[in-house]
């Protein structure tokens, strides 16, 4: 098991191998399809893309006493082409669920980034690892707005690493 703190460095990326469990702590951001379309056209963002982590999630409404609602991962393949311009700007980790395209994997390796998966179906448990949440962009998108999340020991698995390994095919 590897414990990582954000922002993510190139040295952190070198430690990650497909199948490895990761506990992630620090600041991560949410973004899905519509947010990606807007992010790739933004000249300036309210956060640094270099070393950042994007979690593909659309959280449910916040309940009293909690920082966020249920926050399970969404299917990631829809972001394949949209993630490339963000990786080129320094995005290091993406968290979601499911397999992705060969083209995406090649771009990910080229940009020294990795893809992590979170377990689907346990959104309430995953939300317990989110200490705080705040919408920072595109509030009009509702659950698909960009949230800034602070996480502590958020559990993931490395799906694709920079060495070409793929948890869906190799493990």
Protein backbone atom coordinates (compact mmCIF):
# COMPACT_ATOMS: atom_id res chain seq x y z
CA UNK A 1 0.00 0.00 0.00
CA UNK A 2 1.20 3.48 -0.90
CA UNK A 3 0.18 6.64 0.96
CA UNK A 4 0.23 9.73 -1.23
CA UNK A 5 -0.30 13.39 -0.43
CA UNK A 6 -1.29 16.00 -2.99
CA UNK A 7 0.04 17.68 -5.03
CA UNK A 8 1.41 14.66 -6.90
CA UNK A 9 4.99 14.77 -8.17
CA UNK A 10 6.69 12.89 -11.00
CA UNK A 11 8.51 10.87 -8.33
CA UNK A 12 5.14 9.86 -6.81
CA UNK A 13 3.98 8.67 -10.24
CA UNK A 14 7.06 6.44 -10.57
CA UNK A 15 6.05 4.59 -7.37
CA UNK A 16 2.65 3.57 -8.69
CA UNK A 17 2.18 0.15 -10.27
CA UNK A 18 -1.04 -1.39 -11.55
CA UNK A 19 -2.87 -3.29 -8.82
CA UNK A 20 -1.28 -1.33 -5.95
CA UNK A 21 -3.60 0.04 -3.26
CA UNK A 22 -3.29 3.80 -2.67
CA UNK A 23 -4.50 5.90 0.24
CA UNK A 24 -4.73 9.48 -1.01
CA UNK A 25 -4.76 12.54 1.25
CA UNK A 26 -4.89 16.24 0.48
CA UNK A 27 -6.80 18.35 -2.03
CA UNK A 28 -8.46 16.78 -5.06
CA UNK A 29 -11.00 18.16 -7.54
CA UNK A 30 -14.12 16.72 -9.09
CA UNK A 31 -15.01 16.97 -12.76
CA UNK A 32 -17.21 15.08 -15.16
CA UNK A 33 -18.08 15.47 -18.84
CA UNK A 34 -19.54 18.98 -18.92
CA UNK A 35 -16.95 20.38 -16.52
CA UNK A 36 -14.14 18.90 -18.63
CA UNK A 37 -15.52 20.61 -21.73
CA UNK A 38 -15.31 23.93 -19.92
CA UNK A 39 -11.99 23.29 -18.14
CA UNK A 40 -10.10 22.57 -21.34
CA UNK A 41 -11.13 26.00 -22.68
CA UNK A 42 -10.27 27.99 -19.52
CA UNK A 43 -7.10 30.05 -19.76
CA UNK A 44 -6.86 30.47 -15.99
CA UNK A 45 -8.22 28.18 -13.30
CA UNK A 46 -8.77 28.83 -9.58
CA UNK A 47 -6.39 25.94 -8.88
CA UNK A 48 -3.10 24.70 -10.26
CA UNK A 49 -3.46 21.84 -12.68
CA UNK A 50 0.18 20.84 -12.23
CA UNK A 51 0.29 17.93 -9.80
CA UNK A 52 -3.48 17.84 -9.42
CA UNK A 53 -5.95 14.99 -9.04
CA UNK A 54 -9.40 14.84 -10.62
CA UNK A 55 -12.07 12.49 -9.26
CA UNK A 56 -14.85 11.60 -11.70
CA UNK A 57 -17.84 11.91 -9.40
CA UNK A 58 -21.17 13.68 -9.16
CA UNK A 59 -21.86 13.76 -5.42
CA UNK A 60 -25.39 13.57 -4.08
CA UNK A 61 -26.70 16.48 -1.97
CA UNK A 62 -24.99 17.01 1.36
CA UNK A 63 -26.70 15.65 4.45
CA UNK A 64 -26.69 17.39 7.83
CA UNK A 65 -23.49 16.71 9.73
CA UNK A 66 -21.56 15.64 6.62
CA UNK A 67 -19.23 17.55 4.32
CA UNK A 68 -20.71 15.96 1.19
CA UNK A 69 -23.31 13.43 0.05
CA UNK A 70 -22.62 9.98 -1.33
CA UNK A 71 -19.58 10.21 -3.60
CA UNK A 72 -19.05 7.09 -5.64
CA UNK A 73 -16.98 7.07 -8.84
CA UNK A 74 -18.54 7.39 -12.27
CA UNK A 75 -17.53 5.62 -15.47
CA UNK A 76 -14.40 7.25 -16.84
CA UNK A 77 -14.32 6.35 -20.53
CA UNK A 78 -16.39 9.44 -21.40
CA UNK A 79 -13.49 11.65 -20.30
CA UNK A 80 -10.81 9.89 -22.39
CA UNK A 81 -10.32 12.59 -25.03
CA UNK A 82 -11.23 15.42 -22.66
CA UNK A 83 -8.55 14.41 -20.13
CA UNK A 84 -5.66 14.75 -22.58
CA UNK A 85 -5.50 18.59 -22.63
CA UNK A 86 -5.62 18.58 -18.81
CA UNK A 87 -2.79 16.04 -18.58
CA UNK A 88 -0.80 18.27 -20.92
CA UNK A 89 -1.33 21.07 -18.35
CA UNK A 90 -0.03 18.91 -15.48
CA UNK A 91 -2.93 16.71 -14.30
CA UNK A 92 -1.26 13.70 -12.60
CA UNK A 93 -4.00 11.42 -11.32
CA UNK A 94 -7.54 10.66 -12.40
CA UNK A 95 -9.88 8.58 -10.24
CA UNK A 96 -12.95 6.84 -11.61
CA UNK A 97 -14.20 3.39 -12.46
CA UNK A 98 -13.93 1.11 -15.45
CA UNK A 99 -11.57 0.45 -18.31
CA UNK A 100 -10.47 3.17 -20.73
CA UNK A 101 -9.32 3.37 -24.33
CA UNK A 102 -5.91 2.36 -25.62
CA UNK A 103 -5.50 5.90 -26.99
CA UNK A 104 -6.09 7.34 -23.51
CA UNK A 105 -3.55 4.94 -21.97
CA UNK A 106 -0.89 6.00 -24.48
CA UNK A 107 -1.52 9.69 -23.76
CA UNK A 108 -1.46 9.03 -20.02
CA UNK A 109 1.97 7.38 -20.27
CA UNK A 110 3.24 10.17 -22.55
CA UNK A 111 2.13 12.77 -19.99
CA UNK A 112 3.52 10.86 -16.97
CA UNK A 113 0.09 10.48 -15.37
CA UNK A 114 -1.79 7.56 -13.83
CA UNK A 115 -5.36 6.35 -13.65
CA UNK A 116 -6.75 5.10 -10.35
CA UNK A 117 -10.02 3.34 -9.69
CA UNK A 118 -12.26 3.63 -6.65
CA UNK A 119 -14.70 0.89 -5.79
CA UNK A 120 -18.16 1.51 -7.21
CA UNK A 121 -21.26 0.99 -5.07
CA UNK A 122 -19.72 2.30 -1.85
CA UNK A 123 -20.27 6.03 -2.34
CA UNK A 124 -21.41 6.56 1.27
CA UNK A 125 -18.24 4.93 2.60
CA UNK A 126 -16.03 6.91 0.21
CA UNK A 127 -17.73 10.15 1.26
CA UNK A 128 -16.62 9.44 4.85
CA UNK A 129 -13.04 9.97 3.60
CA UNK A 130 -13.92 13.49 2.40
CA UNK A 131 -13.18 15.99 5.15
CA UNK A 132 -14.47 19.09 3.36
CA UNK A 133 -16.04 20.09 0.05
CA UNK A 134 -16.63 23.36 -1.73
CA UNK A 135 -17.92 24.19 -5.21
CA UNK A 136 -15.25 26.28 -6.95
CA UNK A 137 -16.43 26.33 -10.58
CA UNK A 138 -19.55 25.90 -12.68
CA UNK A 139 -22.18 25.85 -9.95
CA UNK A 140 -24.80 25.86 -12.71
CA UNK A 141 -23.84 22.22 -13.46
CA UNK A 142 -25.23 21.05 -10.11
CA UNK A 143 -23.71 17.70 -9.12
CA UNK A 144 -21.32 18.02 -12.08
CA UNK A 145 -19.84 21.31 -10.83
CA UNK A 146 -16.15 21.34 -9.97
CA UNK A 147 -15.71 20.72 -6.26
CA UNK A 148 -12.56 21.17 -4.24
CA UNK A 149 -12.39 18.22 -1.84
CA UNK A 150 -10.07 17.64 1.06
CA UNK A 151 -9.62 13.89 1.53
CA UNK A 152 -7.90 11.74 4.15
CA UNK A 153 -6.83 8.19 3.29
CA UNK A 154 -9.16 8.02 0.29
CA UNK A 155 -8.86 4.39 -0.94
CA UNK A 156 -8.04 3.65 -4.59
CA UNK A 157 -6.24 1.12 -6.73
CA UNK A 158 -3.81 1.87 -9.55
CA UNK A 159 -5.52 0.79 -12.76
CA UNK A 160 -2.92 2.00 -15.30
CA UNK A 161 0.65 2.95 -14.55
CA UNK A 162 3.35 4.71 -16.60
CA UNK A 163 4.99 1.34 -17.32
CA UNK A 164 2.12 0.20 -19.53
CA UNK A 165 0.52 -2.14 -16.99
CA UNK A 166 -3.27 -2.45 -16.91
CA UNK A 167 -5.18 -3.90 -13.94
CA UNK A 168 -8.04 -4.90 -16.23
CA UNK A 169 -5.83 -7.07 -18.43
CA UNK A 170 -2.78 -7.95 -16.31
CA UNK A 171 -4.38 -8.79 -12.96
